[in-house]
Amino acid sequence: MSRPNKESNSERIRRTGREVIAGKLLDREEALWLFRLESSADIMDLLSVANRVREHFKGNKIHLCSIVNAKAGGCSENCKFCAQSGAWQAASPQYGFVDREPVEEATAEAERNGVTAVGLVAAWKGLKKGPKLDEICDRIREMAADGKARPDASLGLIDSQEVAQQLKDAGLECYGHNLESSRNFFPNHCTTHSYEDRLQTIAYLKNAGIKICSGGIIGMGETREDRCDLALSVRDIGAHVVPINILNPIPGTPYENNEPLPPFEILKTIACFRLVNPRKEIMIAGGRTVNLRDLQSMVFMAGASALMVGNYLTTLNQPVEKDLQMLTDLGLDPDWDRHGFADQTESDRSASLPAREPDLAAAPT
């Protein structure tokens, strides 16, 4: 009596890709199976499928963004990965909120290099109503009026709906606020604020009509299950851009001796994020140069559709010109509509999913 053929890993990976393209959203069990793939052959199959999913939903367009470190060092929070925390003895620059000129220089450089968005980033706990918020809104209004790049910001926790609305009224289009890790792992790297605090900030921003850039950091000691749960959580909150940072251990921080993730584990993680979030901009951000080295161009085969270019907050990136040449060599186009997230508006939920508790705090009305 013949036995039915068992589906091979390769067949299951390809079937999963076809289902995602057809509109299915993966549940946790399906996603976790992908995150747990081990062999290089299976991972290469997964990368190929993720590339097809990226091309189906994103074509050959790549979203580029850069950041301005608008206020550096001396942060009150104790995030173990961050050299800007005042809790650690890392060698990091410190200065107050920047004037108009550095922001103007950053947006002019972005326009020259075809970069879509420039984000104002500040090392502090967050924003409240008052003179500092007014000053930030002045910078955002100037960026919006200048028109050289989309004005984005990543300014920490927001303590009220009024603050989010003031940012929106100033012209802010997209706010970066990473979940950083899974809910389960979060207390391992930060105890001065909670995962729920970050969800509440995102709720305020969404209520104000601001687009959300939210992802996290891999390589902090989290499990593959934690990475899977992060991928599902950023889907739950409706993030438009999903940055994946790879830990670059900085001397003086608690994670300075963390073992780096193998490049194939990083690429596999990117591919899994693409299959879990098929319509979103999967952005490769901090740590790619030091962790991926000569394999950086493979992030696009793994499903990435966005790239942070220019230097990071406290570490260097490779030159923008090298990134642009890499995109040209791959036949990818960085001419991305700076106001365009229209390809994400069609519902992803064309296939049924088991009920999940929404991972987003409801902002008070």
Protein backbone atom coordinates (compact mmCIF):
# COMPACT_ATOMS: atom_id res chain seq x y z
CA MET A 1 0.00 0.00 0.00
CA SER A 2 1.52 3.33 -1.07
CA ARG A 3 1.91 6.16 1.43
CA PRO A 4 0.88 9.72 0.52
CA ASN A 5 3.79 11.99 -0.33
CA LYS A 6 4.72 14.35 2.48
CA GLU A 7 5.13 17.99 1.49
CA SER A 8 8.81 18.94 1.52
CA ASN A 9 10.09 22.12 3.17
CA SER A 10 10.76 23.58 -0.28
CA GLU A 11 7.21 22.84 -1.43
CA ARG A 12 5.73 24.28 1.74
CA ILE A 13 7.78 27.47 1.42
CA ARG A 14 6.68 27.95 -2.19
CA ARG A 15 3.04 27.20 -1.33
CA THR A 16 3.18 29.74 1.50
CA GLY A 17 4.49 32.37 -0.91
CA ARG A 18 1.67 31.68 -3.36
CA GLU A 19 -0.90 31.98 -0.59
CA VAL A 20 0.56 35.28 0.62
CA ILE A 21 0.48 36.70 -2.90
CA ALA A 22 -3.14 35.55 -3.17
CA GLY A 23 -3.98 37.60 -0.08
CA LYS A 24 -3.58 35.29 2.89
CA LEU A 25 -2.15 36.56 6.16
CA LEU A 26 -0.02 34.04 8.00
CA ASP A 27 -1.05 32.99 11.48
CA ARG A 28 1.51 32.58 14.27
CA GLU A 29 2.02 28.86 13.71
CA GLU A 30 2.69 29.35 10.00
CA ALA A 31 5.01 32.28 10.60
CA LEU A 32 6.91 30.54 13.37
CA TRP A 33 7.63 27.57 11.10
CA LEU A 34 9.39 29.95 8.71
CA PHE A 35 11.38 31.65 11.48
CA ARG A 36 12.60 28.22 12.63
CA LEU A 37 13.99 27.11 9.27
CA GLU A 38 17.60 25.98 9.70
CA SER A 39 19.24 24.67 6.54
CA SER A 40 20.90 27.00 4.04
CA ALA A 41 18.94 25.34 1.22
CA ASP A 42 15.61 26.07 2.93
CA ILE A 43 16.68 29.63 3.71
CA MET A 44 17.66 30.22 0.08
CA ASP A 45 14.23 28.93 -0.99
CA LEU A 46 12.65 31.30 1.51
CA LEU A 47 14.66 34.26 0.20
CA SER A 48 13.59 33.50 -3.36
CA VAL A 49 9.93 33.38 -2.33
CA ALA A 50 10.24 36.60 -0.29
CA ASN A 51 11.78 38.30 -3.32
CA ARG A 52 8.78 37.28 -5.43
CA VAL A 53 6.39 38.57 -2.77
CA ARG A 54 8.28 41.88 -2.68
CA GLU A 55 8.19 42.21 -6.47
CA HIS A 56 4.48 41.36 -6.55
CA PHE A 57 3.49 44.06 -4.04
CA LYS A 58 6.29 46.61 -4.52
CA GLY A 59 7.64 46.19 -8.04
CA ASN A 60 11.19 47.51 -8.26
CA LYS A 61 10.63 50.61 -6.10
CA ILE A 62 12.83 51.17 -3.05
CA HIS A 63 11.93 53.72 -0.36
CA LEU A 64 14.99 55.60 0.93
CA CYS A 65 15.07 57.60 4.14
CA SER A 66 17.68 59.32 6.27
CA ILE A 67 17.77 60.85 9.74
CA VAL A 68 19.02 63.94 11.54
CA ASN A 69 20.18 63.38 15.10
CA ALA A 70 18.36 66.47 16.32
CA LYS A 71 19.20 66.03 20.02
CA ALA A 72 22.00 63.70 21.07
CA GLY A 73 22.94 61.87 24.26
CA GLY A 74 21.90 62.10 27.89
CA CYS A 75 18.63 60.21 27.45
CA SER A 76 16.83 59.33 30.69
CA GLU A 77 15.76 55.87 29.45
CA ASN A 78 17.81 52.73 30.13
CA CYS A 79 17.50 50.91 26.79
CA LYS A 80 20.41 48.46 26.91
CA PHE A 81 21.17 48.68 23.17
CA CYS A 82 21.51 52.46 23.07
CA ALA A 83 24.75 54.41 23.38
CA GLN A 84 22.74 57.61 24.02
CA SER A 85 21.30 56.43 27.33
CA GLY A 86 22.54 58.40 30.30
CA ALA A 87 22.57 55.13 32.25
CA TRP A 88 25.64 53.80 30.41
CA GLN A 89 29.22 54.95 29.95
CA ALA A 90 29.30 54.83 26.16
CA ALA A 91 31.31 57.37 24.16
CA SER A 92 28.47 59.24 22.49
CA PRO A 93 28.11 62.91 21.48
CA GLN A 94 25.81 65.13 23.49
CA TYR A 95 24.11 68.31 22.33
CA GLY A 96 20.75 70.06 22.62
CA PHE A 97 18.03 70.39 20.03
CA VAL A 98 19.45 71.58 16.72
CA ASP A 99 18.71 74.86 14.95
CA ARG A 100 17.31 75.21 11.46
CA GLU A 101 20.59 74.98 9.52
CA PRO A 102 21.51 71.30 10.11
CA VAL A 103 17.97 70.27 9.18
CA GLU A 104 18.09 72.34 5.99
CA GLU A 105 21.43 70.75 5.08
CA ALA A 106 20.01 67.27 5.64
CA THR A 107 16.95 67.87 3.46
CA ALA A 108 19.06 69.43 0.70
CA GLU A 109 21.37 66.40 0.73
CA ALA A 110 18.35 64.10 0.69
CA GLU A 111 16.99 65.83 -2.42
CA ARG A 112 20.36 65.54 -4.19
CA ASN A 113 20.46 61.80 -3.50
CA GLY A 114 16.83 61.02 -4.26
CA VAL A 115 16.01 60.25 -0.63
CA THR A 116 12.29 60.33 0.08
CA ALA A 117 12.13 61.22 3.77
CA VAL A 118 14.22 62.87 6.49
CA GLY A 119 13.44 62.09 10.10
CA LEU A 120 14.15 64.29 13.10
CA VAL A 121 15.39 61.98 15.87
CA ALA A 122 15.91 63.00 19.49
CA ALA A 123 17.44 61.20 22.48
CA TRP A 124 14.97 61.85 25.26
CA LYS A 125 11.99 60.13 26.87
CA GLY A 126 9.37 61.91 24.81
CA LEU A 127 7.17 64.90 24.11
CA LYS A 128 4.80 67.03 26.14
CA LYS A 129 3.06 70.28 25.32
CA GLY A 130 5.32 73.28 25.79
CA PRO A 131 8.14 75.32 24.23
CA LYS A 132 10.16 72.28 23.09
CA LEU A 133 7.20 70.87 21.19
CA ASP A 134 6.61 74.29 19.64
CA GLU A 135 10.24 74.40 18.48
CA ILE A 136 9.97 70.92 16.97
CA CYS A 137 6.81 71.90 15.15
CA ASP A 138 8.65 74.92 13.72
CA ARG A 139 11.29 72.56 12.25
CA ILE A 140 8.58 70.31 10.82
CA ARG A 141 6.72 73.24 9.25
CA GLU A 142 9.97 74.43 7.68
CA MET A 143 10.65 70.96 6.25
CA ALA A 144 7.12 70.68 4.88
CA ALA A 145 7.29 74.14 3.28
CA ASP A 146 10.71 73.42 1.82
CA GLY A 147 9.36 70.35 0.03
CA LYS A 148 12.72 68.67 -0.49
CA ALA A 149 11.87 65.57 1.57
CA ARG A 150 8.94 64.15 3.49
CA PRO A 151 9.08 65.42 7.11
CA ASP A 152 9.29 62.47 9.50
CA ALA A 153 10.21 62.33 13.19
CA SER A 154 11.13 59.91 15.94
CA LEU A 155 10.85 61.81 19.20
CA GLY A 156 9.99 59.22 21.80
CA LEU A 157 6.83 58.76 23.83
CA ILE A 158 3.85 61.09 23.40
CA ASP A 159 1.81 61.84 26.49
CA SER A 160 -1.48 63.07 24.99
CA GLN A 161 -3.66 63.16 21.91
CA GLU A 162 -3.14 66.94 21.78
CA VAL A 163 0.62 66.50 21.22
CA ALA A 164 0.05 64.09 18.35
CA GLN A 165 -2.47 66.47 16.78
CA GLN A 166 -0.06 69.40 17.07
CA LEU A 167 2.58 67.38 15.19
CA LYS A 168 0.06 66.51 12.51
CA ASP A 169 -1.07 70.13 12.15
CA ALA A 170 2.59 71.19 11.72
CA GLY A 171 2.87 68.89 8.68
CA LEU A 172 4.34 65.69 10.14
CA GLU A 173 3.52 62.76 7.87
CA CYS A 174 5.21 59.74 9.45
CA TYR A 175 6.43 59.05 13.00
CA GLY A 176 9.04 56.46 13.92
CA HIS A 177 8.31 54.62 17.14
CA ASN A 178 9.71 51.10 17.27
CA LEU A 179 8.17 48.40 19.40
CA GLU A 180 11.83 47.24 19.59
CA SER A 181 11.05 43.61 20.46
CA SER A 182 8.23 41.29 21.43
CA ARG A 183 6.05 42.16 24.40
CA ASN A 184 7.58 39.19 26.23
CA PHE A 185 11.21 40.24 25.66
CA PHE A 186 10.77 44.00 26.13
CA PRO A 187 11.52 44.13 29.91
CA ASN A 188 14.90 42.50 29.20
CA HIS A 189 16.16 45.64 27.44
CA CYS A 190 14.17 48.50 28.98
CA THR A 191 12.55 49.08 32.38
CA THR A 192 12.12 52.88 32.48
CA HIS A 193 9.02 52.67 30.31
CA SER A 194 6.78 49.84 29.21
CA TYR A 195 5.70 48.14 26.01
CA GLU A 196 2.20 49.46 26.70
CA ASP A 197 3.58 53.02 26.82
CA ARG A 198 4.86 52.55 23.28
CA LEU A 199 1.53 51.13 22.11
CA GLN A 200 -0.28 54.10 23.61
CA THR A 201 1.97 56.53 21.73
CA ILE A 202 1.22 54.72 18.47
CA ALA A 203 -2.50 54.89 19.21
CA TYR A 204 -2.31 58.67 19.66
CA LEU A 205 -0.42 59.02 16.37
CA LYS A 206 -2.87 56.84 14.45
CA ASN A 207 -5.82 58.79 15.86
CA ALA A 208 -4.18 61.97 14.52
CA GLY A 209 -3.81 60.46 11.04
CA ILE A 210 -0.02 60.17 11.16
CA LYS A 211 1.62 57.25 9.35
CA ILE A 212 3.51 54.79 11.54
CA CYS A 213 7.11 53.59 11.16
CA SER A 214 7.59 50.80 13.69
CA GLY A 215 9.82 47.76 13.86
CA GLY A 216 12.61 46.72 16.15
CA ILE A 217 16.10 45.39 16.79
CA ILE A 218 17.29 41.83 16.34
CA GLY A 219 20.38 40.35 17.97
CA MET A 220 19.68 41.46 21.55
CA GLY A 221 19.43 37.89 22.81
CA GLU A 222 15.80 37.35 21.86
CA THR A 223 14.50 34.02 20.55
CA ARG A 224 13.13 33.31 17.10
CA GLU A 225 9.71 33.20 18.75
CA ASP A 226 10.27 36.77 19.96
CA ARG A 227 11.14 37.87 16.41
CA CYS A 228 8.03 36.17 15.10
CA ASP A 229 5.85 37.92 17.69
CA LEU A 230 7.40 41.28 16.81
CA ALA A 231 6.60 40.72 13.12
CA LEU A 232 3.00 39.93 14.02
CA SER A 233 2.72 42.89 16.41
CA VAL A 234 3.84 45.48 13.84
CA ARG A 235 1.20 44.00 11.54
CA ASP A 236 -1.40 44.31 14.31
CA ILE A 237 -0.67 48.01 14.85
CA GLY A 238 -0.82 48.78 11.12
CA ALA A 239 2.72 50.06 10.68
CA HIS A 240 3.37 51.49 7.21
CA VAL A 241 7.17 51.20 7.41
CA VAL A 242 8.79 48.34 9.35
CA PRO A 243 12.47 49.03 10.13
CA ILE A 244 14.66 46.06 11.01
CA ASN A 245 17.76 47.08 12.93
CA ILE A 246 20.55 44.61 13.64
CA LEU A 247 22.33 45.14 16.94
CA ASN A 248 25.73 46.78 16.58
CA PRO A 249 27.19 46.21 20.07
CA ILE A 250 28.56 49.51 21.35
CA PRO A 251 31.30 49.52 24.03
CA GLY A 252 29.94 50.85 27.30
CA THR A 253 26.42 49.46 26.81
CA PRO A 254 25.15 46.27 28.49
CA TYR A 255 25.05 44.53 25.10
CA GLU A 256 28.65 45.32 24.17
CA ASN A 257 29.63 41.62 24.27
CA ASN A 258 26.59 40.19 22.46
CA GLU A 259 27.49 37.66 19.80
CA PRO A 260 26.51 38.92 16.34
CA LEU A 261 23.75 37.12 14.47
CA PRO A 262 24.93 35.06 11.47
CA PRO A 263 24.17 36.84 8.17
CA PHE A 264 21.87 34.05 7.00
CA GLU A 265 19.84 34.33 10.22
CA ILE A 266 19.46 38.05 9.53
CA LEU A 267 18.41 37.48 5.93
CA LYS A 268 15.95 34.78 6.98
CA THR A 269 14.42 37.17 9.51
CA ILE A 270 13.96 39.86 6.84
CA ALA A 271 12.26 37.31 4.57
CA CYS A 272 9.92 36.23 7.37
CA PHE A 273 8.97 39.85 8.08
CA ARG A 274 8.14 40.25 4.37
CA LEU A 275 5.86 37.22 4.33
CA VAL A 276 4.12 38.29 7.55
CA ASN A 277 3.78 41.92 6.33
CA PRO A 278 3.49 41.52 2.55
CA ARG A 279 2.27 45.04 1.68
CA LYS A 280 4.43 47.03 4.09
CA GLU A 281 7.75 48.77 3.52
CA ILE A 282 10.28 46.45 5.12
CA MET A 283 13.19 48.77 5.83
CA ILE A 284 16.75 47.74 6.63
CA ALA A 285 18.17 50.26 9.06
CA GLY A 286 20.97 50.30 11.65
CA GLY A 287 23.64 47.63 11.80
CA ARG A 288 23.50 46.32 8.24
CA THR A 289 27.02 47.35 7.28
CA VAL A 290 28.82 45.72 10.22
CA ASN A 291 26.60 42.61 10.36
CA LEU A 292 25.98 41.79 6.69
CA ARG A 293 29.21 43.08 5.18
CA ASP A 294 29.43 41.81 1.57
CA LEU A 295 25.91 40.37 1.74
CA GLN A 296 24.15 43.73 2.07
CA SER A 297 22.68 43.58 -1.42
CA MET A 298 20.89 40.33 -0.50
CA VAL A 299 18.47 42.21 1.75
CA PHE A 300 16.36 42.98 -1.33
CA MET A 301 16.28 39.34 -2.38
CA ALA A 302 15.13 38.68 1.19
CA GLY A 303 12.18 41.01 0.66
CA ALA A 304 13.34 44.44 1.82
CA SER A 305 11.75 47.37 -0.03
CA ALA A 306 13.24 50.26 1.93
CA LEU A 307 16.66 51.35 3.11
CA MET A 308 17.99 53.85 5.61
CA VAL A 309 20.89 55.69 4.02
CA GLY A 310 23.47 58.05 5.46
CA ASN A 311 24.93 57.70 8.94
CA TYR A 312 22.99 56.37 11.90
CA LEU A 313 22.58 58.03 15.30
CA THR A 314 25.94 57.05 16.81
CA THR A 315 27.52 54.78 14.17
CA LEU A 316 28.60 55.13 10.55
CA ASN A 317 26.94 53.68 7.48
CA GLN A 318 28.49 53.11 4.06
CA PRO A 319 28.45 56.15 1.71
CA VAL A 320 25.11 57.03 0.10
CA GLU A 321 26.77 56.85 -3.33
CA LYS A 322 27.65 53.21 -2.73
CA ASP A 323 24.06 52.42 -1.75
CA LEU A 324 22.73 54.14 -4.87
CA GLN A 325 25.16 52.20 -7.06
CA MET A 326 24.05 48.98 -5.36
CA LEU A 327 20.42 49.74 -6.25
CA THR A 328 21.36 50.55 -9.85
CA ASP A 329 23.30 47.30 -10.17
CA LEU A 330 20.26 45.37 -8.91
CA GLY A 331 17.85 47.11 -11.28
CA LEU A 332 16.00 48.75 -8.37
CA ASP A 333 14.52 52.24 -8.49
CA PRO A 334 14.72 54.67 -5.52
CA ASP A 335 12.31 57.12 -7.20
CA TRP A 336 9.55 56.41 -4.68
CA ASP A 337 6.50 58.67 -4.37
CA ARG A 338 7.28 60.60 -1.19
CA HIS A 339 3.58 60.77 -0.27
CA GLY A 340 2.75 57.27 -1.41
CA PHE A 341 1.49 54.54 0.85
CA ALA A 342 -1.49 53.92 -1.44
CA ASP A 343 -0.39 50.36 -2.18
CA GLN A 344 -1.02 49.53 1.49
CA THR A 345 -4.62 50.73 1.61
CA GLU A 346 -6.18 47.60 0.15
CA SER A 347 -7.09 45.23 2.94
CA ASP A 348 -4.62 42.45 3.62
CA ARG A 349 -7.33 40.47 5.34
CA SER A 350 -8.72 38.66 2.31
CA ALA A 351 -8.23 35.33 4.07
CA SER A 352 -9.53 34.40 7.48
CA LEU A 353 -7.27 34.37 10.51
CA PRO A 354 -7.70 32.99 13.98
CA ALA A 355 -8.70 35.75 16.37
CA ARG A 356 -5.78 37.61 17.97
CA GLU A 357 -6.00 40.11 20.76
CA PRO A 358 -5.28 43.52 19.16
CA ASP A 359 -1.77 44.65 20.10
CA LEU A 360 -2.62 48.33 20.24
CA ALA A 361 -3.72 50.45 23.16
CA ALA A 362 -6.85 52.48 22.58
CA ALA A 363 -6.27 56.18 22.99
CA PRO A 364 -8.80 57.95 25.16
CA THR A 365 -11.29 60.07 23.28
